[in-house]
Amino acid sequence: SGLVTLTAGIDGKVIFAGTETIAAGGTSTALALTKTVHYIDADAGGDTFTLADGVEGQIMTVIMASATGTATITPTNLRGGTSVTFNAAGDTVVLQFASTKWNILGGNSYAIV
């Protein structure tokens, strides 16, 4: 719907909600920190996505909605690697920002590079 829901957390921080859909385009696109769920597409040439540092405790889910190529997500700081790669529709990753890095909580059929 394009609406953003703001919810005050226990410590008064704002938790962002809402979805973002990014069509395949072959260029580098930043994932919005104000959204919780991101649906991404990748064309045959592949698509790249960047992810800036979030706020402590922030959780984000990225879902590959459709793909004819690969999608690479490169956070500014990722624990255990440099980027997350998807190669098929249905690939997912759930990230949480903690201790100055994005941490992978789980997902489906992703690769860490």
PDB file of N, CA and C in Angstrom:
ATOM      1  N   SER A   1       0.813  -1.195   0.000  1.00  0.00           N
ATOM      2  CA  SER A   1       0.000   0.000   0.000  1.00  0.00           C
ATOM      3  C   SER A   1       0.852   1.252   0.000  1.00  0.00           C
ATOM      4  N   GLY A   2       2.145   1.118   0.254  1.00  0.00           N
ATOM      5  CA  GLY A   2       3.017   2.280   0.273  1.00  0.00           C
ATOM      6  C   GLY A   2       2.986   3.041   1.587  1.00  0.00           C
ATOM      7  N   LEU A   3       2.205   2.587   2.562  1.00  0.00           N
ATOM      8  CA  LEU A   3       2.130   3.261   3.843  1.00  0.00           C
ATOM      9  C   LEU A   3       3.228   2.765   4.761  1.00  0.00           C
ATOM     10  N   VAL A   4       3.711   3.651   5.608  1.00  0.00           N
ATOM     11  CA  VAL A   4       4.708   3.282   6.601  1.00  0.00           C
ATOM     12  C   VAL A   4       4.054   3.333   7.961  1.00  0.00           C
ATOM     13  N   THR A   5       4.182   2.281   8.741  1.00  0.00           N
ATOM     14  CA  THR A   5       3.651   2.239  10.087  1.00  0.00           C
ATOM     15  C   THR A   5       4.798   2.469  11.054  1.00  0.00           C
ATOM     16  N   LEU A   6       4.648   3.430  11.938  1.00  0.00           N
ATOM     17  CA  LEU A   6       5.674   3.699  12.932  1.00  0.00           C
ATOM     18  C   LEU A   6       5.176   3.207  14.281  1.00  0.00           C
ATOM     19  N   THR A   7       6.015   2.468  14.978  1.00  0.00           N
ATOM     20  CA  THR A   7       5.663   1.938  16.279  1.00  0.00           C
ATOM     21  C   THR A   7       6.771   2.282  17.253  1.00  0.00           C
ATOM     22  N   ALA A   8       6.413   2.846  18.397  1.00  0.00           N
ATOM     23  CA  ALA A   8       7.432   3.173  19.394  1.00  0.00           C
ATOM     24  C   ALA A   8       7.855   1.904  20.102  1.00  0.00           C
ATOM     25  N   GLY A   9       9.154   1.654  20.151  1.00  0.00           N
ATOM     26  CA  GLY A   9       9.678   0.487  20.845  1.00  0.00           C
ATOM     27  C   GLY A   9       9.734   0.731  22.347  1.00  0.00           C
ATOM     28  N   ILE A  10      10.157  -0.274  23.065  1.00  0.00           N
ATOM     29  CA  ILE A  10      10.232  -0.188  24.520  1.00  0.00           C
ATOM     30  C   ILE A  10      11.148   0.942  24.965  1.00  0.00           C
ATOM     31  N   ASP A  11      12.249   1.120  24.271  1.00  0.00           N
ATOM     32  CA  ASP A  11      13.196   2.162  24.664  1.00  0.00           C
ATOM     33  C   ASP A  11      12.937   3.481  23.949  1.00  0.00           C
ATOM     34  N   GLY A  12      11.775   3.624  23.319  1.00  0.00           N
ATOM     35  CA  GLY A  12      11.409   4.860  22.662  1.00  0.00           C
ATOM     36  C   GLY A  12      11.900   5.004  21.239  1.00  0.00           C
ATOM     37  N   LYS A  13      12.654   4.026  20.726  1.00  0.00           N
ATOM     38  CA  LYS A  13      13.110   4.090  19.344  1.00  0.00           C
ATOM     39  C   LYS A  13      11.953   3.774  18.415  1.00  0.00           C
ATOM     40  N   VAL A  14      12.042   4.265  17.201  1.00  0.00           N
ATOM     41  CA  VAL A  14      11.002   4.020  16.212  1.00  0.00           C
ATOM     42  C   VAL A  14      11.338   2.758  15.427  1.00  0.00           C
ATOM     43  N   ILE A  15      10.341   1.895  15.269  1.00  0.00           N
ATOM     44  CA  ILE A  15      10.485   0.684  14.471  1.00  0.00           C
ATOM     45  C   ILE A  15       9.732   0.919  13.171  1.00  0.00           C
ATOM     46  N   PHE A  16      10.382   0.739  12.043  1.00  0.00           N
ATOM     47  CA  PHE A  16       9.750   0.965  10.760  1.00  0.00           C
ATOM     48  C   PHE A  16       9.098  -0.316  10.259  1.00  0.00           C
ATOM     49  N   ALA A  17       8.018  -0.164   9.515  1.00  0.00           N
ATOM     50  CA  ALA A  17       7.341  -1.297   8.921  1.00  0.00           C
ATOM     51  C   ALA A  17       6.951  -0.908   7.498  1.00  0.00           C
ATOM     52  N   GLY A  18       6.427  -1.852   6.758  1.00  0.00           N
ATOM     53  CA  GLY A  18       6.020  -1.579   5.393  1.00  0.00           C
ATOM     54  C   GLY A  18       6.874  -2.372   4.423  1.00  0.00           C
ATOM     55  N   THR A  19       6.470  -2.328   3.163  1.00  0.00           N
ATOM     56  CA  THR A  19       7.163  -3.094   2.141  1.00  0.00           C
ATOM     57  C   THR A  19       7.689  -2.188   1.044  1.00  0.00           C
ATOM     58  N   GLU A  20       8.656  -2.710   0.328  1.00  0.00           N
ATOM     59  CA  GLU A  20       9.248  -2.030  -0.814  1.00  0.00           C
ATOM     60  C   GLU A  20       9.406  -3.066  -1.918  1.00  0.00           C
ATOM     61  N   THR A  21       9.050  -2.701  -3.141  1.00  0.00           N
ATOM     62  CA  THR A  21       9.248  -3.581  -4.290  1.00  0.00           C
ATOM     63  C   THR A  21      10.186  -2.888  -5.257  1.00  0.00           C
ATOM     64  N   ILE A  22      11.274  -3.591  -5.622  1.00  0.00           N
ATOM     65  CA  ILE A  22      12.259  -3.010  -6.530  1.00  0.00           C
ATOM     66  C   ILE A  22      12.349  -3.891  -7.765  1.00  0.00           C
ATOM     67  N   ALA A  23      11.963  -3.347  -8.902  1.00  0.00           N
ATOM     68  CA  ALA A  23      12.017  -4.073 -10.175  1.00  0.00           C
ATOM     69  C   ALA A  23      13.456  -4.212 -10.640  1.00  0.00           C
ATOM     70  N   ALA A  24      13.702  -5.224 -11.448  1.00  0.00           N
ATOM     71  CA  ALA A  24      15.025  -5.440 -12.025  1.00  0.00           C
ATOM     72  C   ALA A  24      15.408  -4.248 -12.872  1.00  0.00           C
ATOM     73  N   GLY A  25      16.662  -3.856 -12.795  1.00  0.00           N
ATOM     74  CA  GLY A  25      17.089  -2.718 -13.579  1.00  0.00           C
ATOM     75  C   GLY A  25      18.552  -2.742 -13.949  1.00  0.00           C
ATOM     76  N   GLY A  26      19.313  -3.665 -13.378  1.00  0.00           N
ATOM     77  CA  GLY A  26      20.712  -3.793 -13.740  1.00  0.00           C
ATOM     78  C   GLY A  26      21.640  -2.795 -13.090  1.00  0.00           C
ATOM     79  N   THR A  27      21.096  -1.896 -12.286  1.00  0.00           N
ATOM     80  CA  THR A  27      21.946  -0.920 -11.617  1.00  0.00           C
ATOM     81  C   THR A  27      21.905  -1.148 -10.117  1.00  0.00           C
ATOM     82  N   SER A  28      22.778  -0.499  -9.404  1.00  0.00           N
ATOM     83  CA  SER A  28      22.828  -0.639  -7.949  1.00  0.00           C
ATOM     84  C   SER A  28      21.711   0.191  -7.319  1.00  0.00           C
ATOM     85  N   THR A  29      20.942  -0.444  -6.454  1.00  0.00           N
ATOM     86  CA  THR A  29      19.820   0.212  -5.796  1.00  0.00           C
ATOM     87  C   THR A  29      19.957   0.036  -4.289  1.00  0.00           C
ATOM     88  N   ALA A  30      19.739   1.105  -3.544  1.00  0.00           N
ATOM     89  CA  ALA A  30      19.808   1.030  -2.085  1.00  0.00           C
ATOM     90  C   ALA A  30      18.471   0.542  -1.532  1.00  0.00           C
ATOM     91  N   LEU A  31      18.527  -0.420  -0.613  1.00  0.00           N
ATOM     92  CA  LEU A  31      17.328  -0.868   0.088  1.00  0.00           C
ATOM     93  C   LEU A  31      16.984   0.178   1.141  1.00  0.00           C
ATOM     94  N   ALA A  32      15.712   0.558   1.213  1.00  0.00           N
ATOM     95  CA  ALA A  32      15.269   1.589   2.147  1.00  0.00           C
ATOM     96  C   ALA A  32      15.315   1.080   3.585  1.00  0.00           C
ATOM     97  N   LEU A  33      15.965   1.816   4.448  1.00  0.00           N
ATOM     98  CA  LEU A  33      16.030   1.436   5.859  1.00  0.00           C
ATOM     99  C   LEU A  33      14.700   1.635   6.566  1.00  0.00           C
ATOM    100  N   THR A  34      13.787   2.381   5.954  1.00  0.00           N
ATOM    101  CA  THR A  34      12.487   2.640   6.565  1.00  0.00           C
ATOM    102  C   THR A  34      11.455   1.560   6.270  1.00  0.00           C
ATOM    103  N   LYS A  35      11.838   0.518   5.562  1.00  0.00           N
ATOM    104  CA  LYS A  35      10.942  -0.595   5.233  1.00  0.00           C
ATOM    105  C   LYS A  35      11.429  -1.858   5.917  1.00  0.00           C
ATOM    106  N   THR A  36      10.510  -2.748   6.230  1.00  0.00           N
ATOM    107  CA  THR A  36      10.850  -3.998   6.900  1.00  0.00           C
ATOM    108  C   THR A  36      10.998  -5.149   5.914  1.00  0.00           C
ATOM    109  N   VAL A  37      10.167  -5.167   4.860  1.00  0.00           N
ATOM    110  CA  VAL A  37      10.187  -6.245   3.877  1.00  0.00           C
ATOM    111  C   VAL A  37      10.484  -5.660   2.505  1.00  0.00           C
ATOM    112  N   HIS A  38      11.441  -6.284   1.806  1.00  0.00           N
ATOM    113  CA  HIS A  38      11.847  -5.833   0.475  1.00  0.00           C
ATOM    114  C   HIS A  38      11.657  -6.972  -0.518  1.00  0.00           C
ATOM    115  N   TYR A  39      10.879  -6.725  -1.565  1.00  0.00           N
ATOM    116  CA  TYR A  39      10.709  -7.676  -2.666  1.00  0.00           C
ATOM    117  C   TYR A  39      11.592  -7.180  -3.801  1.00  0.00           C
ATOM    118  N   ILE A  40      12.547  -8.009  -4.212  1.00  0.00           N
ATOM    119  CA  ILE A  40      13.468  -7.586  -5.260  1.00  0.00           C
ATOM    120  C   ILE A  40      13.360  -8.517  -6.458  1.00  0.00           C
ATOM    121  N   ASP A  41      13.718  -8.002  -7.615  1.00  0.00           N
ATOM    122  CA  ASP A  41      13.753  -8.765  -8.860  1.00  0.00           C
ATOM    123  C   ASP A  41      15.163  -8.660  -9.440  1.00  0.00           C
ATOM    124  N   ALA A  42      15.536  -9.641 -10.251  1.00  0.00           N
ATOM    125  CA  ALA A  42      16.822  -9.578 -10.944  1.00  0.00           C
ATOM    126  C   ALA A  42      16.641 -10.034 -12.379  1.00  0.00           C
ATOM    127  N   ASP A  43      17.218  -9.269 -13.305  1.00  0.00           N
ATOM    128  CA  ASP A  43      17.142  -9.642 -14.715  1.00  0.00           C
ATOM    129  C   ASP A  43      18.362 -10.470 -15.108  1.00  0.00           C
ATOM    130  N   ALA A  44      18.429 -10.854 -16.365  1.00  0.00           N
ATOM    131  CA  ALA A  44      19.487 -11.753 -16.839  1.00  0.00           C
ATOM    132  C   ALA A  44      20.880 -11.182 -16.613  1.00  0.00           C
ATOM    133  N   GLY A  45      21.005  -9.877 -16.593  1.00  0.00           N
ATOM    134  CA  GLY A  45      22.314  -9.252 -16.372  1.00  0.00           C
ATOM    135  C   GLY A  45      22.715  -9.201 -14.910  1.00  0.00           C
ATOM    136  N   GLY A  46      21.783  -9.543 -14.033  1.00  0.00           N
ATOM    137  CA  GLY A  46      22.052  -9.475 -12.603  1.00  0.00           C
ATOM    138  C   GLY A  46      21.780  -8.084 -12.060  1.00  0.00           C
ATOM    139  N   ASP A  47      21.432  -8.019 -10.804  1.00  0.00           N
ATOM    140  CA  ASP A  47      21.146  -6.745 -10.157  1.00  0.00           C
ATOM    141  C   ASP A  47      21.866  -6.687  -8.816  1.00  0.00           C
ATOM    142  N   THR A  48      22.278  -5.482  -8.436  1.00  0.00           N
ATOM    143  CA  THR A  48      22.957  -5.304  -7.163  1.00  0.00           C
ATOM    144  C   THR A  48      22.170  -4.343  -6.283  1.00  0.00           C
ATOM    145  N   PHE A  49      22.238  -4.602  -4.984  1.00  0.00           N
ATOM    146  CA  PHE A  49      21.522  -3.807  -3.999  1.00  0.00           C
ATOM    147  C   PHE A  49      22.475  -3.499  -2.854  1.00  0.00           C
ATOM    148  N   THR A  50      22.390  -2.295  -2.318  1.00  0.00           N
ATOM    149  CA  THR A  50      23.209  -1.924  -1.176  1.00  0.00           C
ATOM    150  C   THR A  50      22.324  -1.789   0.049  1.00  0.00           C
ATOM    151  N   LEU A  51      22.941  -1.921   1.217  1.00  0.00           N
ATOM    152  CA  LEU A  51      22.206  -1.797   2.472  1.00  0.00           C
ATOM    153  C   LEU A  51      23.080  -1.058   3.467  1.00  0.00           C
ATOM    154  N   ALA A  52      22.649   0.141   3.839  1.00  0.00           N
ATOM    155  CA  ALA A  52      23.393   0.945   4.809  1.00  0.00           C
ATOM    156  C   ALA A  52      23.225   0.349   6.208  1.00  0.00           C
ATOM    157  N   ASP A  53      24.032   0.797   7.133  1.00  0.00           N
ATOM    158  CA  ASP A  53      23.874   0.365   8.518  1.00  0.00           C
ATOM    159  C   ASP A  53      22.509   0.802   9.040  1.00  0.00           C
ATOM    160  N   GLY A  54      21.898  -0.056   9.847  1.00  0.00           N
ATOM    161  CA  GLY A  54      20.603   0.243  10.434  1.00  0.00           C
ATOM    162  C   GLY A  54      20.757   0.751  11.850  1.00  0.00           C
ATOM    163  N   VAL A  55      19.702   0.585  12.639  1.00  0.00           N
ATOM    164  CA  VAL A  55      19.737   0.934  14.056  1.00  0.00           C
ATOM    165  C   VAL A  55      19.725  -0.356  14.864  1.00  0.00           C
ATOM    166  N   GLU A  56      20.300  -0.313  16.031  1.00  0.00           N
ATOM    167  CA  GLU A  56      20.423  -1.481  16.893  1.00  0.00           C
ATOM    168  C   GLU A  56      19.072  -2.180  17.054  1.00  0.00           C
ATOM    169  N   GLY A  57      19.033  -3.479  16.713  1.00  0.00           N
ATOM    170  CA  GLY A  57      17.824  -4.280  16.854  1.00  0.00           C
ATOM    171  C   GLY A  57      16.929  -4.314  15.622  1.00  0.00           C
ATOM    172  N   GLN A  58      17.205  -3.494  14.619  1.00  0.00           N
ATOM    173  CA  GLN A  58      16.374  -3.444  13.414  1.00  0.00           C
ATOM    174  C   GLN A  58      16.410  -4.777  12.673  1.00  0.00           C
ATOM    175  N   ILE A  59      15.236  -5.236  12.232  1.00  0.00           N
ATOM    176  CA  ILE A  59      15.130  -6.485  11.477  1.00  0.00           C
ATOM    177  C   ILE A  59      14.602  -6.184  10.084  1.00  0.00           C
ATOM    178  N   MET A  60      15.176  -6.846   9.094  1.00  0.00           N
ATOM    179  CA  MET A  60      14.803  -6.643   7.694  1.00  0.00           C
ATOM    180  C   MET A  60      14.736  -7.991   6.988  1.00  0.00           C
ATOM    181  N   THR A  61      13.726  -8.164   6.142  1.00  0.00           N
ATOM    182  CA  THR A  61      13.575  -9.377   5.336  1.00  0.00           C
ATOM    183  C   THR A  61      13.660  -9.000   3.865  1.00  0.00           C
ATOM    184  N   VAL A  62      14.468  -9.750   3.112  1.00  0.00           N
ATOM    185  CA  VAL A  62      14.598  -9.521   1.670  1.00  0.00           C
ATOM    186  C   VAL A  62      14.144 -10.793   0.959  1.00  0.00           C
ATOM    187  N   ILE A  63      13.242 -10.625  -0.015  1.00  0.00           N
ATOM    188  CA  ILE A  63      12.658 -11.750  -0.749  1.00  0.00           C
ATOM    189  C   ILE A  63      12.876 -11.542  -2.241  1.00  0.00           C
ATOM    190  N   MET A  64      13.413 -12.554  -2.909  1.00  0.00           N
ATOM    191  CA  MET A  64      13.567 -12.501  -4.359  1.00  0.00           C
ATOM    192  C   MET A  64      12.221 -12.870  -4.972  1.00  0.00           C
ATOM    193  N   ALA A  65      11.518 -11.882  -5.495  1.00  0.00           N
ATOM    194  CA  ALA A  65      10.179 -12.096  -6.032  1.00  0.00           C
ATOM    195  C   ALA A  65      10.206 -12.792  -7.387  1.00  0.00           C
ATOM    196  N   SER A  66      11.117 -12.365  -8.250  1.00  0.00           N
ATOM    197  CA  SER A  66      11.271 -13.018  -9.553  1.00  0.00           C
ATOM    198  C   SER A  66      12.714 -12.863 -10.006  1.00  0.00           C
ATOM    199  N   ALA A  67      13.135 -13.810 -10.838  1.00  0.00           N
ATOM    200  CA  ALA A  67      14.540 -13.763 -11.247  1.00  0.00           C
ATOM    201  C   ALA A  67      14.762 -14.461 -12.569  1.00  0.00           C
ATOM    202  N   THR A  68      15.534 -13.806 -13.425  1.00  0.00           N
ATOM    203  CA  THR A  68      16.112 -14.472 -14.588  1.00  0.00           C
ATOM    204  C   THR A  68      17.626 -14.411 -14.474  1.00  0.00           C
ATOM    205  N   GLY A  69      18.095 -13.738 -13.404  1.00  0.00           N
ATOM    206  CA  GLY A  69      19.526 -13.616 -13.125  1.00  0.00           C
ATOM    207  C   GLY A  69      19.738 -13.615 -11.629  1.00  0.00           C
ATOM    208  N   THR A  70      20.924 -13.201 -11.198  1.00  0.00           N
ATOM    209  CA  THR A  70      21.242 -13.184  -9.777  1.00  0.00           C
ATOM    210  C   THR A  70      21.064 -11.789  -9.191  1.00  0.00           C
ATOM    211  N   ALA A  71      20.837 -11.763  -7.886  1.00  0.00           N
ATOM    212  CA  ALA A  71      20.764 -10.503  -7.145  1.00  0.00           C
ATOM    213  C   ALA A  71      21.813 -10.566  -6.050  1.00  0.00           C
ATOM    214  N   THR A  72      22.565  -9.499  -5.891  1.00  0.00           N
ATOM    215  CA  THR A  72      23.590  -9.422  -4.860  1.00  0.00           C
ATOM    216  C   THR A  72      23.272  -8.252  -3.942  1.00  0.00           C
ATOM    217  N   ILE A  73      23.184  -8.542  -2.649  1.00  0.00           N
ATOM    218  CA  ILE A  73      22.933  -7.516  -1.640  1.00  0.00           C
ATOM    219  C   ILE A  73      24.233  -7.310  -0.879  1.00  0.00           C
ATOM    220  N   THR A  74      24.735  -6.078  -0.879  1.00  0.00           N
ATOM    221  CA  THR A  74      25.985  -5.777  -0.210  1.00  0.00           C
ATOM    222  C   THR A  74      25.747  -4.757   0.898  1.00  0.00           C
ATOM    223  N   PRO A  75      25.641  -5.224   2.144  1.00  0.00           N
ATOM    224  CA  PRO A  75      25.519  -4.297   3.270  1.00  0.00           C
ATOM    225  C   PRO A  75      26.838  -3.570   3.522  1.00  0.00           C
ATOM    226  N   THR A  76      26.757  -2.402   4.112  1.00  0.00           N
ATOM    227  CA  THR A  76      27.961  -1.678   4.495  1.00  0.00           C
ATOM    228  C   THR A  76      28.786  -2.531   5.460  1.00  0.00           C
ATOM    229  N   ASN A  77      28.113  -3.176   6.400  1.00  0.00           N
ATOM    230  CA  ASN A  77      28.775  -4.057   7.367  1.00  0.00           C
ATOM    231  C   ASN A  77      27.954  -5.326   7.527  1.00  0.00           C
ATOM    232  N   LEU A  78      28.508  -6.462   7.124  1.00  0.00           N
ATOM    233  CA  LEU A  78      27.841  -7.759   7.234  1.00  0.00           C
ATOM    234  C   LEU A  78      28.728  -8.701   8.031  1.00  0.00           C
ATOM    235  N   ARG A  79      28.205  -9.266   9.091  1.00  0.00           N
ATOM    236  CA  ARG A  79      28.968 -10.223   9.891  1.00  0.00           C
ATOM    237  C   ARG A  79      29.099 -11.539   9.124  1.00  0.00           C
ATOM    238  N   GLY A  80      30.317 -12.025   8.983  1.00  0.00           N
ATOM    239  CA  GLY A  80      30.551 -13.318   8.359  1.00  0.00           C
ATOM    240  C   GLY A  80      30.714 -13.309   6.856  1.00  0.00           C
ATOM    241  N   GLY A  81      30.757 -12.149   6.233  1.00  0.00           N
ATOM    242  CA  GLY A  81      30.922 -12.094   4.787  1.00  0.00           C
ATOM    243  C   GLY A  81      30.848 -10.676   4.270  1.00  0.00           C
ATOM    244  N   THR A  82      30.788 -10.572   2.949  1.00  0.00           N
ATOM    245  CA  THR A  82      30.721  -9.266   2.296  1.00  0.00           C
ATOM    246  C   THR A  82      29.355  -9.002   1.687  1.00  0.00           C
ATOM    247  N   SER A  83      28.719 -10.064   1.143  1.00  0.00           N
ATOM    248  CA  SER A  83      27.429  -9.891   0.474  1.00  0.00           C
ATOM    249  C   SER A  83      26.599 -11.168   0.554  1.00  0.00           C
ATOM    250  N   VAL A  84      25.319 -11.007   0.224  1.00  0.00           N
ATOM    251  CA  VAL A  84      24.372 -12.117   0.163  1.00  0.00           C
ATOM    252  C   VAL A  84      23.891 -12.202  -1.273  1.00  0.00           C
ATOM    253  N   THR A  85      23.905 -13.412  -1.845  1.00  0.00           N
ATOM    254  CA  THR A  85      23.512 -13.596  -3.240  1.00  0.00           C
ATOM    255  C   THR A  85      22.301 -14.512  -3.344  1.00  0.00           C
ATOM    256  N   PHE A  86      21.360 -14.107  -4.197  1.00  0.00           N
ATOM    257  CA  PHE A  86      20.185 -14.907  -4.536  1.00  0.00           C
ATOM    258  C   PHE A  86      20.297 -15.305  -5.997  1.00  0.00           C
ATOM    259  N   ASN A  87      19.794 -16.505  -6.354  1.00  0.00           N
ATOM    260  CA  ASN A  87      19.807 -16.890  -7.772  1.00  0.00           C
ATOM    261  C   ASN A  87      18.488 -17.457  -8.256  1.00  0.00           C
ATOM    262  N   ALA A  88      17.446 -17.401  -7.419  1.00  0.00           N
ATOM    263  CA  ALA A  88      16.149 -17.932  -7.843  1.00  0.00           C
ATOM    264  C   ALA A  88      15.019 -17.237  -7.098  1.00  0.00           C
ATOM    265  N   ALA A  89      13.879 -17.173  -7.755  1.00  0.00           N
ATOM    266  CA  ALA A  89      12.685 -16.642  -7.089  1.00  0.00           C
ATOM    267  C   ALA A  89      12.406 -17.476  -5.849  1.00  0.00           C
ATOM    268  N   GLY A  90      12.034 -16.827  -4.772  1.00  0.00           N
ATOM    269  CA  GLY A  90      11.759 -17.518  -3.517  1.00  0.00           C
ATOM    270  C   GLY A  90      12.927 -17.514  -2.551  1.00  0.00           C
ATOM    271  N   ASP A  91      14.121 -17.127  -3.002  1.00  0.00           N
ATOM    272  CA  ASP A  91      15.256 -17.003  -2.086  1.00  0.00           C
ATOM    273  C   ASP A  91      14.956 -15.866  -1.108  1.00  0.00           C
ATOM    274  N   THR A  92      15.335 -16.057   0.155  1.00  0.00           N
ATOM    275  CA  THR A  92      15.073 -15.048   1.174  1.00  0.00           C
ATOM    276  C   THR A  92      16.247 -14.948   2.142  1.00  0.00           C
ATOM    277  N   VAL A  93      16.330 -13.814   2.825  1.00  0.00           N
ATOM    278  CA  VAL A  93      17.258 -13.664   3.933  1.00  0.00           C
ATOM    279  C   VAL A  93      16.616 -12.716   4.954  1.00  0.00           C
ATOM    280  N   VAL A  94      16.809 -13.034   6.229  1.00  0.00           N
ATOM    281  CA  VAL A  94      16.332 -12.197   7.325  1.00  0.00           C
ATOM    282  C   VAL A  94      17.566 -11.697   8.059  1.00  0.00           C
ATOM    283  N   LEU A  95      17.663 -10.384   8.196  1.00  0.00           N
ATOM    284  CA  LEU A  95      18.829  -9.745   8.792  1.00  0.00           C
ATOM    285  C   LEU A  95      18.426  -8.949  10.031  1.00  0.00           C
ATOM    286  N   GLN A  96      19.331  -8.878  10.983  1.00  0.00           N
ATOM    287  CA  GLN A  96      19.132  -8.010  12.138  1.00  0.00           C
ATOM    288  C   GLN A  96      20.400  -7.193  12.343  1.00  0.00           C
ATOM    289  N   PHE A  97      20.220  -5.883  12.577  1.00  0.00           N
ATOM    290  CA  PHE A  97      21.370  -5.028  12.822  1.00  0.00           C
ATOM    291  C   PHE A  97      21.668  -5.031  14.315  1.00  0.00           C
ATOM    292  N   ALA A  98      22.838  -5.534  14.685  1.00  0.00           N
ATOM    293  CA  ALA A  98      23.244  -5.597  16.085  1.00  0.00           C
ATOM    294  C   ALA A  98      24.754  -5.509  16.173  1.00  0.00           C
ATOM    295  N   SER A  99      25.241  -4.822  17.171  1.00  0.00           N
ATOM    296  CA  SER A  99      26.685  -4.676  17.393  1.00  0.00           C
ATOM    297  C   SER A  99      27.398  -4.160  16.152  1.00  0.00           C
ATOM    298  N   THR A 100      26.832  -3.144  15.532  1.00  0.00           N
ATOM    299  CA  THR A 100      27.372  -2.403  14.371  1.00  0.00           C
ATOM    300  C   THR A 100      27.429  -3.188  13.068  1.00  0.00           C
ATOM    301  N   LYS A 101      26.747  -4.338  12.994  1.00  0.00           N
ATOM    302  CA  LYS A 101      26.749  -5.129  11.754  1.00  0.00           C
ATOM    303  C   LYS A 101      25.379  -5.745  11.496  1.00  0.00           C
ATOM    304  N   TRP A 102      25.091  -6.024  10.211  1.00  0.00           N
ATOM    305  CA  TRP A 102      23.924  -6.815   9.845  1.00  0.00           C
ATOM    306  C   TRP A 102      24.278  -8.280  10.091  1.00  0.00           C
ATOM    307  N   ASN A 103      23.435  -8.967  10.825  1.00  0.00           N
ATOM    308  CA  ASN A 103      23.617 -10.373  11.163  1.00  0.00           C
ATOM    309  C   ASN A 103      22.527 -11.183  10.495  1.00  0.00           C
ATOM    310  N   ILE A 104      22.871 -12.311   9.896  1.00  0.00           N
ATOM    311  CA  ILE A 104      21.878 -13.158   9.238  1.00  0.00           C
ATOM    312  C   ILE A 104      21.209 -14.036  10.282  1.00  0.00           C
ATOM    313  N   LEU A 105      19.878 -13.902  10.372  1.00  0.00           N
ATOM    314  CA  LEU A 105      19.093 -14.712  11.304  1.00  0.00           C
ATOM    315  C   LEU A 105      18.596 -15.992  10.645  1.00  0.00           C
ATOM    316  N   GLY A 106      18.410 -15.964   9.333  1.00  0.00           N
ATOM    317  CA  GLY A 106      17.907 -17.135   8.622  1.00  0.00           C
ATOM    318  C   GLY A 106      17.525 -16.770   7.212  1.00  0.00           C
ATOM    319  N   GLY A 107      16.871 -17.699   6.531  1.00  0.00           N
ATOM    320  CA  GLY A 107      16.445 -17.451   5.164  1.00  0.00           C
ATOM    321  C   GLY A 107      16.333 -18.755   4.398  1.00  0.00           C
ATOM    322  N   ASN A 108      16.243 -18.623   3.099  1.00  0.00           N
ATOM    323  CA  ASN A 108      16.065 -19.773   2.214  1.00  0.00           C
ATOM    324  C   ASN A 108      16.946 -19.628   0.985  1.00  0.00           C
ATOM    325  N   SER A 109      17.841 -20.555   0.780  1.00  0.00           N
ATOM    326  CA  SER A 109      18.604 -20.696  -0.464  1.00  0.00           C
ATOM    327  C   SER A 109      19.419 -19.471  -0.862  1.00  0.00           C
ATOM    328  N   TYR A 110      20.011 -18.804   0.103  1.00  0.00           N
ATOM    329  CA  TYR A 110      20.903 -17.672  -0.179  1.00  0.00           C
ATOM    330  C   TYR A 110      22.345 -18.146  -0.059  1.00  0.00           C
ATOM    331  N   ALA A 111      23.274 -17.375  -0.599  1.00  0.00           N
ATOM    332  CA  ALA A 111      24.694 -17.679  -0.455  1.00  0.00           C
ATOM    333  C   ALA A 111      25.387 -16.457   0.142  1.00  0.00           C
ATOM    334  N   ILE A 112      26.323 -16.702   1.039  1.00  0.00           N
ATOM    335  CA  ILE A 112      27.121 -15.619   1.610  1.00  0.00           C
ATOM    336  C   ILE A 112      28.470 -15.619   0.910  1.00  0.00           C
ATOM    337  N   VAL A 113      28.849 -14.446   0.442  1.00  0.00           N
ATOM    338  CA  VAL A 113      30.121 -14.317  -0.255  1.00  0.00           C
ATOM    339  C   VAL A 113      31.044 -13.446   0.578  1.00  0.00           C
TER     340      VAL A 113
END
